[in-house]
Amino acid sequence: MSVLWVLVGFSILVAAGFLAAYIWAVRSGQYDDKYTPSVRILFEDRNNSANIDESERTEGSEEDGDAEDPVR
């Protein structure tokens, strides 16, 4: 039974060590993402562009009967 108390104490000590390491990493900036914000503008948001293209296509085709479809 005394071995159980030793193991519980050791596991609490290890958990406290991992918590301290995590807090240190967060405070020192290990999780700061400096690359993604600079290239986010280069990636296309396909959902918004598809909705915009669809609305432009339907508006243009109603007004101008012989306009070419820009998607084809």
Protein backbone atom coordinates (compact mmCIF):
# COMPACT_ATOMS: atom_id res chain seq x y z
CA MET A 1 0.00 0.00 0.00
CA SER A 2 2.91 2.35 0.64
CA VAL A 3 4.11 1.77 -2.94
CA LEU A 4 0.81 3.23 -4.16
CA TRP A 5 1.46 6.50 -2.29
CA VAL A 6 4.95 6.68 -3.75
CA LEU A 7 3.58 6.19 -7.28
CA VAL A 8 0.84 8.80 -6.77
CA GLY A 9 3.38 11.29 -5.45
CA PHE A 10 5.73 10.57 -8.34
CA SER A 11 2.95 10.96 -10.94
CA ILE A 12 1.91 14.30 -9.41
CA LEU A 13 5.54 15.41 -9.54
CA VAL A 14 5.85 14.41 -13.23
CA ALA A 15 2.53 16.12 -14.09
CA ALA A 16 3.70 19.32 -12.36
CA GLY A 17 6.92 19.16 -14.39
CA PHE A 18 5.00 18.86 -17.67
CA LEU A 19 2.72 21.73 -16.65
CA ALA A 20 5.73 23.91 -15.83
CA ALA A 21 7.34 23.06 -19.19
CA TYR A 22 4.12 23.90 -21.04
CA ILE A 23 3.72 27.25 -19.26
CA TRP A 24 7.36 28.07 -19.99
CA ALA A 25 6.91 27.23 -23.69
CA VAL A 26 3.80 29.39 -24.02
CA ARG A 27 5.39 32.37 -22.28
CA SER A 28 8.61 32.14 -24.30
CA GLY A 29 6.73 32.22 -27.63
CA GLN A 30 7.20 28.63 -28.74
CA TYR A 31 3.62 28.48 -30.03
CA ASP A 32 3.65 31.80 -31.91
CA ASP A 33 2.98 31.30 -35.60
CA LYS A 34 4.99 33.85 -37.52
CA TYR A 35 4.79 32.20 -40.95
CA THR A 36 1.08 31.58 -41.62
CA PRO A 37 -0.20 35.17 -41.27
CA SER A 38 2.30 36.39 -43.86
CA VAL A 39 1.19 33.89 -46.53
CA ARG A 40 -2.53 33.69 -45.68
CA ILE A 41 -3.36 36.23 -48.41
CA LEU A 42 -1.78 33.95 -51.01
CA PHE A 43 -4.23 31.12 -50.36
CA GLU A 44 -7.58 31.41 -52.08
CA ASP A 45 -10.77 31.01 -50.07
CA ARG A 46 -12.61 28.69 -52.44
CA ASN A 47 -16.03 29.00 -50.77
CA ASN A 48 -16.24 32.79 -51.04
CA SER A 49 -14.80 32.92 -54.56
CA ALA A 50 -17.25 30.26 -55.79
CA ASN A 51 -20.21 32.19 -54.38
CA ILE A 52 -19.00 35.48 -55.90
CA ASP A 53 -18.37 33.89 -59.30
CA GLU A 54 -21.81 32.30 -59.30
CA SER A 55 -23.56 35.58 -58.45
CA GLU A 56 -21.56 37.49 -61.08
CA ARG A 57 -22.30 34.83 -63.68
CA THR A 58 -26.06 34.86 -63.08
CA GLU A 59 -26.25 38.67 -63.02
CA GLY A 60 -24.22 39.00 -66.22
CA SER A 61 -26.15 36.35 -68.11
CA GLU A 62 -29.54 37.94 -67.32
CA GLU A 63 -28.52 41.39 -68.51
CA ASP A 64 -26.37 40.43 -71.49
CA GLY A 65 -27.74 37.49 -73.45
CA ASP A 66 -24.70 36.78 -75.63
CA ALA A 67 -21.98 37.27 -72.98
CA GLU A 68 -19.48 34.44 -72.71
CA ASP A 69 -19.31 32.37 -69.55
CA PRO A 70 -15.90 33.16 -67.92
CA VAL A 71 -15.72 29.69 -66.32
CA ARG A 72 -15.71 27.69 -69.60
